[in-house]
Amino acid sequence: MSSTEQTRRVKDLDTLKALGHPLRIKLYRALYVAGTATASQLADQVDEAVSLVSYHLRKLAKHGIIEEAEEAAVMPGSGGGGR
């Protein structure tokens, strides 16, 4: 594990539920690989509507699983702030 990666222990049921959705798992994996991506970029990767992807990204961000940047979603600790 590199110094920029963080290990987080999930301790509450709501966060586990947020991660339990199949599309959210796909989005998390795609974002993990990319580091930073917009909802449109991720929608292309997972072949879903941008509005649906945006909704699920907001749910992941609400639970601190990802971070919202001004124009993109970011993996925590990646240092990305945009494109």
Foldseek 3Di string as FASTA:
>chain_A
DDPLDDDDDDDDPLLVVLCPDPLLVQLLVVCVVVQKDALVVSCVVVVHDSVVSVVSLVSCVVVPQWPDAPGIIGGPSSPDRHD
